[in-house]
């Protein structure tokens, strides 16, 4: 599995460089100019998050089942955002289980101190 992750990351590097040099994605415009390569660092974090998300989609059965329940990625991500708005999330298994079962019994309500 680790070999696959490294292989996928190495395959994506030339594509990332080509996209930036082609002017399709102006990273400095998206992230500001910053100091000491802030735009490049944030772009690398974005690409890393995207890579992790793609691996999660391919390998996690709970993710795939929850996505099948929601029928579209837009509805799926909306459900995840809703859970993060209202509950303290300890792990991703609880999130996917809540979406699959259509209830959030195992999640702790987010409490706000208004004092």
C-alpha atoms as a PDB file:
ATOM      1  CA  UNK A   1       0.000   0.000   0.000  1.00  0.00           C
ATOM      2  CA  UNK A   2       2.811   2.430   0.877  1.00  0.00           C
ATOM      3  CA  UNK A   3       4.445   1.675  -2.468  1.00  0.00           C
ATOM      4  CA  UNK A   4       1.185   2.559  -4.236  1.00  0.00           C
ATOM      5  CA  UNK A   5       0.940   5.875  -2.356  1.00  0.00           C
ATOM      6  CA  UNK A   6       4.518   6.830  -3.242  1.00  0.00           C
ATOM      7  CA  UNK A   7       3.989   5.736  -6.864  1.00  0.00           C
ATOM      8  CA  UNK A   8       0.770   7.795  -7.129  1.00  0.00           C
ATOM      9  CA  UNK A   9       2.480  10.823  -5.605  1.00  0.00           C
ATOM     10  CA  UNK A  10       5.391  10.567  -8.034  1.00  0.00           C
ATOM     11  CA  UNK A  11       3.008  10.268 -10.977  1.00  0.00           C
ATOM     12  CA  UNK A  12       1.165  13.415  -9.915  1.00  0.00           C
ATOM     13  CA  UNK A  13       4.259  15.639  -9.611  1.00  0.00           C
ATOM     14  CA  UNK A  14       4.828  16.240 -13.358  1.00  0.00           C
ATOM     15  CA  UNK A  15       1.126  16.946 -13.827  1.00  0.00           C
ATOM     16  CA  UNK A  16       1.141  19.483 -10.998  1.00  0.00           C
ATOM     17  CA  UNK A  17       4.184  21.217 -12.466  1.00  0.00           C
ATOM     18  CA  UNK A  18       2.675  21.220 -15.983  1.00  0.00           C
ATOM     19  CA  UNK A  19      -0.606  22.704 -14.726  1.00  0.00           C
ATOM     20  CA  UNK A  20       1.204  25.505 -12.909  1.00  0.00           C
ATOM     21  CA  UNK A  21       3.508  26.357 -15.812  1.00  0.00           C
ATOM     22  CA  UNK A  22       0.661  26.250 -18.335  1.00  0.00           C
ATOM     23  CA  UNK A  23      -1.043  29.077 -16.471  1.00  0.00           C
ATOM     24  CA  UNK A  24      -4.173  27.011 -15.846  1.00  0.00           C
ATOM     25  CA  UNK A  25      -3.848  27.402 -12.070  1.00  0.00           C
ATOM     26  CA  UNK A  26      -2.323  30.648 -10.854  1.00  0.00           C
ATOM     27  CA  UNK A  27      -1.304  29.582  -7.347  1.00  0.00           C
ATOM     28  CA  UNK A  28      -0.131  33.004  -6.236  1.00  0.00           C
ATOM     29  CA  UNK A  29      -3.519  34.430  -7.144  1.00  0.00           C
ATOM     30  CA  UNK A  30      -5.355  31.712  -5.205  1.00  0.00           C
ATOM     31  CA  UNK A  31      -3.205  31.856  -2.049  1.00  0.00           C
ATOM     32  CA  UNK A  32      -1.706  35.344  -2.024  1.00  0.00           C
ATOM     33  CA  UNK A  33       1.936  36.151  -2.466  1.00  0.00           C
ATOM     34  CA  UNK A  34       2.962  35.604   1.154  1.00  0.00           C
ATOM     35  CA  UNK A  35       6.512  35.340   2.372  1.00  0.00           C
ATOM     36  CA  UNK A  36       8.997  32.560   1.875  1.00  0.00           C
ATOM     37  CA  UNK A  37       6.972  30.558  -0.644  1.00  0.00           C
ATOM     38  CA  UNK A  38       3.648  30.553   1.213  1.00  0.00           C
ATOM     39  CA  UNK A  39       1.692  29.970  -2.001  1.00  0.00           C
ATOM     40  CA  UNK A  40       3.837  26.958  -2.907  1.00  0.00           C
ATOM     41  CA  UNK A  41       3.510  25.472   0.571  1.00  0.00           C
ATOM     42  CA  UNK A  42      -0.265  25.866   0.607  1.00  0.00           C
ATOM     43  CA  UNK A  43      -0.502  24.415  -2.888  1.00  0.00           C
ATOM     44  CA  UNK A  44       1.512  21.374  -1.784  1.00  0.00           C
ATOM     45  CA  UNK A  45      -0.813  20.920   1.206  1.00  0.00           C
ATOM     46  CA  UNK A  46      -3.829  21.165  -1.116  1.00  0.00           C
ATOM     47  CA  UNK A  47      -2.421  18.549  -3.482  1.00  0.00           C
ATOM     48  CA  UNK A  48      -1.515  16.295  -0.540  1.00  0.00           C
ATOM     49  CA  UNK A  49      -5.056  16.551   0.841  1.00  0.00           C
ATOM     50  CA  UNK A  50      -6.444  15.740  -2.615  1.00  0.00           C
ATOM     51  CA  UNK A  51      -4.152  12.693  -2.903  1.00  0.00           C
ATOM     52  CA  UNK A  52      -5.206  11.427   0.533  1.00  0.00           C
ATOM     53  CA  UNK A  53      -8.862  11.945  -0.400  1.00  0.00           C
ATOM     54  CA  UNK A  54      -8.438   9.939  -3.601  1.00  0.00           C
ATOM     55  CA  UNK A  55      -6.767   7.083  -1.726  1.00  0.00           C
ATOM     56  CA  UNK A  56      -9.569   7.164   0.864  1.00  0.00           C
ATOM     57  CA  UNK A  57     -12.198   6.957  -1.871  1.00  0.00           C
ATOM     58  CA  UNK A  58     -10.508   3.949  -3.449  1.00  0.00           C
ATOM     59  CA  UNK A  59      -9.646   1.966  -0.324  1.00  0.00           C
ATOM     60  CA  UNK A  60     -12.207   2.692   2.416  1.00  0.00           C
ATOM     61  CA  UNK A  61     -15.331   0.530   2.258  1.00  0.00           C
ATOM     62  CA  UNK A  62     -17.203   2.746   4.770  1.00  0.00           C
ATOM     63  CA  UNK A  63     -16.467   5.812   2.631  1.00  0.00           C
ATOM     64  CA  UNK A  64     -17.767   4.053  -0.477  1.00  0.00           C
ATOM     65  CA  UNK A  65     -20.908   2.835   1.291  1.00  0.00           C
ATOM     66  CA  UNK A  66     -21.661   6.286   2.751  1.00  0.00           C
ATOM     67  CA  UNK A  67     -21.154   7.849  -0.682  1.00  0.00           C
ATOM     68  CA  UNK A  68     -23.530   5.294  -2.199  1.00  0.00           C
ATOM     69  CA  UNK A  69     -26.165   6.176   0.438  1.00  0.00           C
ATOM     70  CA  UNK A  70     -25.948   9.900  -0.365  1.00  0.00           C
ATOM     71  CA  UNK A  71     -25.989   9.259  -4.156  1.00  0.00           C
ATOM     72  CA  UNK A  72     -23.877  12.329  -5.027  1.00  0.00           C
ATOM     73  CA  UNK A  73     -20.593  13.732  -3.807  1.00  0.00           C
ATOM     74  CA  UNK A  74     -22.218  17.105  -3.208  1.00  0.00           C
ATOM     75  CA  UNK A  75     -24.788  15.590  -0.833  1.00  0.00           C
ATOM     76  CA  UNK A  76     -22.104  13.436   0.770  1.00  0.00           C
ATOM     77  CA  UNK A  77     -19.790  16.362   1.561  1.00  0.00           C
ATOM     78  CA  UNK A  78     -22.760  18.440   2.715  1.00  0.00           C
ATOM     79  CA  UNK A  79     -23.641  15.687   5.202  1.00  0.00           C
ATOM     80  CA  UNK A  80     -20.059  15.560   6.472  1.00  0.00           C
ATOM     81  CA  UNK A  81     -19.977  19.346   6.918  1.00  0.00           C
ATOM     82  CA  UNK A  82     -23.286  19.164   8.794  1.00  0.00           C
ATOM     83  CA  UNK A  83     -21.917  16.546  11.172  1.00  0.00           C
ATOM     84  CA  UNK A  84     -18.823  18.661  11.839  1.00  0.00           C
ATOM     85  CA  UNK A  85     -21.063  21.677  12.542  1.00  0.00           C
ATOM     86  CA  UNK A  86     -23.087  19.916  15.230  1.00  0.00           C
ATOM     87  CA  UNK A  87     -20.949  17.164  16.733  1.00  0.00           C
ATOM     88  CA  UNK A  88     -17.503  16.560  18.200  1.00  0.00           C
ATOM     89  CA  UNK A  89     -15.904  14.112  15.806  1.00  0.00           C
ATOM     90  CA  UNK A  90     -13.491  11.567  17.284  1.00  0.00           C
ATOM     91  CA  UNK A  91     -12.821   9.512  14.158  1.00  0.00           C
ATOM     92  CA  UNK A  92     -13.899   9.038  10.556  1.00  0.00           C
ATOM     93  CA  UNK A  93     -15.536   5.689  11.265  1.00  0.00           C
ATOM     94  CA  UNK A  94     -18.157   7.467  13.392  1.00  0.00           C
ATOM     95  CA  UNK A  95     -18.816   9.993  10.622  1.00  0.00           C
ATOM     96  CA  UNK A  96     -19.287   7.364   7.917  1.00  0.00           C
ATOM     97  CA  UNK A  97     -21.394   5.163  10.220  1.00  0.00           C
ATOM     98  CA  UNK A  98     -23.653   8.125  11.059  1.00  0.00           C
ATOM     99  CA  UNK A  99     -24.199   8.793   7.350  1.00  0.00           C
ATOM    100  CA  UNK A 100     -24.814   5.116   6.532  1.00  0.00           C
ATOM    101  CA  UNK A 101     -27.266   4.588   9.402  1.00  0.00           C
ATOM    102  CA  UNK A 102     -28.886   7.991   8.976  1.00  0.00           C
ATOM    103  CA  UNK A 103     -28.443   8.834  12.648  1.00  0.00           C
ATOM    104  CA  UNK A 104     -25.751  10.222  14.864  1.00  0.00           C
ATOM    105  CA  UNK A 105     -26.272   8.316  18.099  1.00  0.00           C
ATOM    106  CA  UNK A 106     -22.583   7.530  18.583  1.00  0.00           C
ATOM    107  CA  UNK A 107     -21.497  11.170  18.164  1.00  0.00           C
ATOM    108  CA  UNK A 108     -21.179  13.671  21.002  1.00  0.00           C
ATOM    109  CA  UNK A 109     -23.082  16.940  20.632  1.00  0.00           C
ATOM    110  CA  UNK A 110     -20.968  20.020  20.276  1.00  0.00           C
ATOM    111  CA  UNK A 111     -21.475  22.180  23.323  1.00  0.00           C
ATOM    112  CA  UNK A 112     -20.783  25.887  23.250  1.00  0.00           C
ATOM    113  CA  UNK A 113     -19.903  27.803  26.405  1.00  0.00           C
ATOM    114  CA  UNK A 114     -21.809  31.088  26.215  1.00  0.00           C
ATOM    115  CA  UNK A 115     -20.531  32.532  29.509  1.00  0.00           C
END
